[in-house]
């Protein structure tokens, strides 16, 4: 019973409040052409520009990072799509149905499997990116991420207090 409740809570949290790997980003509009894929060219360029600004990348590093991000675009876009699919599955379940518990548990297990897969994919990308950076740049990037995570946590904490 506790395991089932934990799975359901994890699924609800992952689906309704997700964000890390799927990074809480919004669909981008670009040059008036309407909505682009979640991980658009514009977003990738902005990300590279920020990395260059803070880490002082060489041209070779910037090119290598661009290739890594470009080759992994599908990972980011697929994550968003599967998140949407799981959310729709939950919304479409009937909580008054006799099968609700087993249906939500099945969705929760799919969400958990997907989260594990995405985490491993993101970790592989992080490893690739890390290999391009110098030791000093890796340390700077680690510090930048720690600050970003702290700002995110502070925002979450502020939301809990209201």
Protein backbone atom coordinates (compact mmCIF):
# COMPACT_ATOMS: atom_id res chain seq x y z
CA UNK A 1 0.00 0.00 0.00
CA UNK A 2 2.79 2.43 0.93
CA UNK A 3 4.69 1.56 -2.27
CA UNK A 4 1.58 2.22 -4.38
CA UNK A 5 0.97 5.57 -2.66
CA UNK A 6 4.62 6.52 -3.15
CA UNK A 7 4.40 5.64 -6.85
CA UNK A 8 1.20 7.64 -7.26
CA UNK A 9 2.68 10.62 -5.40
CA UNK A 10 5.83 10.43 -7.53
CA UNK A 11 3.79 10.32 -10.73
CA UNK A 12 1.60 13.23 -9.72
CA UNK A 13 4.64 15.26 -8.72
CA UNK A 14 6.51 14.39 -11.90
CA UNK A 15 3.58 15.14 -14.13
CA UNK A 16 1.93 18.12 -12.55
CA UNK A 17 4.96 19.90 -11.20
CA UNK A 18 7.76 18.60 -13.36
CA UNK A 19 10.57 20.60 -14.50
CA UNK A 20 14.21 19.63 -14.00
CA UNK A 21 15.26 17.81 -17.06
CA UNK A 22 12.35 19.34 -18.80
CA UNK A 23 13.61 22.57 -17.31
CA UNK A 24 10.48 24.55 -16.79
CA UNK A 25 10.99 26.23 -20.11
CA UNK A 26 8.29 27.60 -22.35
CA UNK A 27 7.74 27.11 -26.01
CA UNK A 28 9.73 29.66 -27.93
CA UNK A 29 8.47 32.02 -30.58
CA UNK A 30 11.01 32.91 -33.16
CA UNK A 31 10.87 35.59 -35.84
CA UNK A 32 7.08 35.62 -35.89
CA UNK A 33 6.95 32.08 -37.26
CA UNK A 34 4.86 30.79 -34.40
CA UNK A 35 5.75 28.15 -31.86
CA UNK A 36 8.86 26.15 -32.45
CA UNK A 37 9.95 22.92 -30.86
CA UNK A 38 10.60 23.18 -27.15
CA UNK A 39 14.35 23.00 -27.64
CA UNK A 40 14.55 25.37 -30.58
CA UNK A 41 17.56 26.67 -32.44
CA UNK A 42 17.03 30.02 -30.74
CA UNK A 43 17.08 28.43 -27.29
CA UNK A 44 20.20 26.42 -28.12
CA UNK A 45 21.99 29.54 -29.35
CA UNK A 46 20.98 31.42 -26.20
CA UNK A 47 22.27 28.58 -24.05
CA UNK A 48 25.60 28.50 -25.91
CA UNK A 49 25.90 32.28 -25.66
CA UNK A 50 25.45 32.14 -21.88
CA UNK A 51 27.98 29.33 -21.57
CA UNK A 52 30.46 31.30 -23.68
CA UNK A 53 29.89 34.43 -21.62
CA UNK A 54 30.44 32.70 -18.27
CA UNK A 55 33.00 30.07 -19.26
CA UNK A 56 34.91 31.93 -21.99
CA UNK A 57 34.70 29.07 -24.48
CA UNK A 58 37.14 28.72 -27.31
CA UNK A 59 35.75 28.51 -30.85
CA UNK A 60 36.53 24.79 -30.89
CA UNK A 61 34.68 24.25 -27.61
CA UNK A 62 31.69 26.27 -28.76
CA UNK A 63 31.50 24.28 -31.98
CA UNK A 64 31.78 20.96 -30.12
CA UNK A 65 29.06 21.99 -27.65
CA UNK A 66 26.80 23.08 -30.47
CA UNK A 67 27.21 19.66 -32.09
CA UNK A 68 26.42 17.91 -28.80
CA UNK A 69 23.27 19.96 -28.24
CA UNK A 70 22.18 19.64 -31.86
CA UNK A 71 22.63 15.88 -31.87
CA UNK A 72 20.61 15.57 -28.65
CA UNK A 73 17.73 17.88 -29.56
CA UNK A 74 15.40 14.91 -29.80
CA UNK A 75 16.11 13.95 -26.19
CA UNK A 76 14.87 17.33 -24.97
CA UNK A 77 11.87 17.45 -27.28
CA UNK A 78 10.87 13.82 -26.61
CA UNK A 79 10.95 14.50 -22.88
CA UNK A 80 8.45 17.31 -23.27
CA UNK A 81 6.18 15.22 -25.48
CA UNK A 82 6.16 12.22 -23.14
CA UNK A 83 5.46 14.52 -20.18
CA UNK A 84 2.42 15.88 -22.00
CA UNK A 85 1.27 12.35 -22.86
CA UNK A 86 1.47 11.16 -19.25
CA UNK A 87 -0.34 14.26 -18.00
CA UNK A 88 -3.15 13.62 -20.51
CA UNK A 89 -3.38 9.97 -19.46
CA UNK A 90 -3.87 11.01 -15.84
CA UNK A 91 -6.42 13.69 -16.70
CA UNK A 92 -8.40 11.18 -18.74
CA UNK A 93 -8.64 8.64 -15.92
CA UNK A 94 -11.93 8.40 -14.07
CA UNK A 95 -11.27 8.54 -10.31
CA UNK A 96 -14.65 6.94 -9.66
CA UNK A 97 -13.79 3.92 -11.81
CA UNK A 98 -13.29 0.55 -10.16
CA UNK A 99 -9.98 0.27 -12.02
CA UNK A 100 -8.67 3.71 -11.09
CA UNK A 101 -6.04 2.49 -8.62
CA UNK A 102 -4.54 -0.03 -11.03
CA UNK A 103 -4.73 2.43 -13.95
CA UNK A 104 -2.99 5.23 -12.06
CA UNK A 105 -0.39 2.79 -10.78
CA UNK A 106 0.33 1.70 -14.38
CA UNK A 107 0.75 5.33 -15.45
CA UNK A 108 2.94 6.01 -12.40
CA UNK A 109 5.20 3.10 -13.32
CA UNK A 110 5.51 4.39 -16.90
CA UNK A 111 6.37 7.85 -15.56
CA UNK A 112 9.01 6.38 -13.23
CA UNK A 113 10.55 4.35 -16.07
CA UNK A 114 10.54 7.41 -18.33
CA UNK A 115 12.10 9.59 -15.62
CA UNK A 116 14.89 7.06 -15.16
CA UNK A 117 15.52 6.87 -18.91
CA UNK A 118 15.56 10.67 -19.28
CA UNK A 119 17.84 11.07 -16.27
CA UNK A 120 20.34 8.66 -17.81
CA UNK A 121 20.11 10.41 -21.18
CA UNK A 122 20.67 13.83 -19.60
CA UNK A 123 23.58 12.44 -17.57
CA UNK A 124 25.18 11.17 -20.79
CA UNK A 125 24.80 14.63 -22.35
CA UNK A 126 26.30 16.28 -19.24
CA UNK A 127 29.22 13.85 -19.46
CA UNK A 128 29.76 14.75 -23.13
CA UNK A 129 29.64 18.46 -22.39
CA UNK A 130 31.99 18.04 -19.44
CA UNK A 131 34.56 16.31 -21.65
CA UNK A 132 34.73 19.43 -23.86
CA UNK A 133 35.43 21.79 -20.94
CA UNK A 134 38.68 22.39 -19.09
CA UNK A 135 38.89 21.54 -15.39
CA UNK A 136 38.52 25.23 -14.49
CA UNK A 137 35.46 25.58 -16.76
CA UNK A 138 33.91 22.44 -15.25
CA UNK A 139 34.32 23.94 -11.79
CA UNK A 140 32.82 27.26 -12.93
CA UNK A 141 29.91 25.41 -14.57
CA UNK A 142 29.33 23.43 -11.39
CA UNK A 143 29.23 26.63 -9.35
CA UNK A 144 26.85 28.26 -11.85
CA UNK A 145 24.50 25.28 -11.65
CA UNK A 146 24.62 25.30 -7.85
CA UNK A 147 23.63 28.98 -7.85
CA UNK A 148 20.86 28.31 -10.36
CA UNK A 149 19.53 25.41 -8.30
CA UNK A 150 19.62 27.59 -5.17
CA UNK A 151 17.66 30.37 -6.91
CA UNK A 152 15.13 27.78 -8.07
CA UNK A 153 14.86 26.37 -4.55
CA UNK A 154 14.39 29.87 -3.12
CA UNK A 155 11.53 30.50 -5.55
CA UNK A 156 9.96 27.18 -4.58
CA UNK A 157 10.32 28.05 -0.89
CA UNK A 158 8.73 31.46 -1.47
CA UNK A 159 5.78 29.75 -3.14
CA UNK A 160 5.36 27.47 -0.11
CA UNK A 161 5.12 30.49 2.18
CA UNK A 162 2.25 32.14 0.34
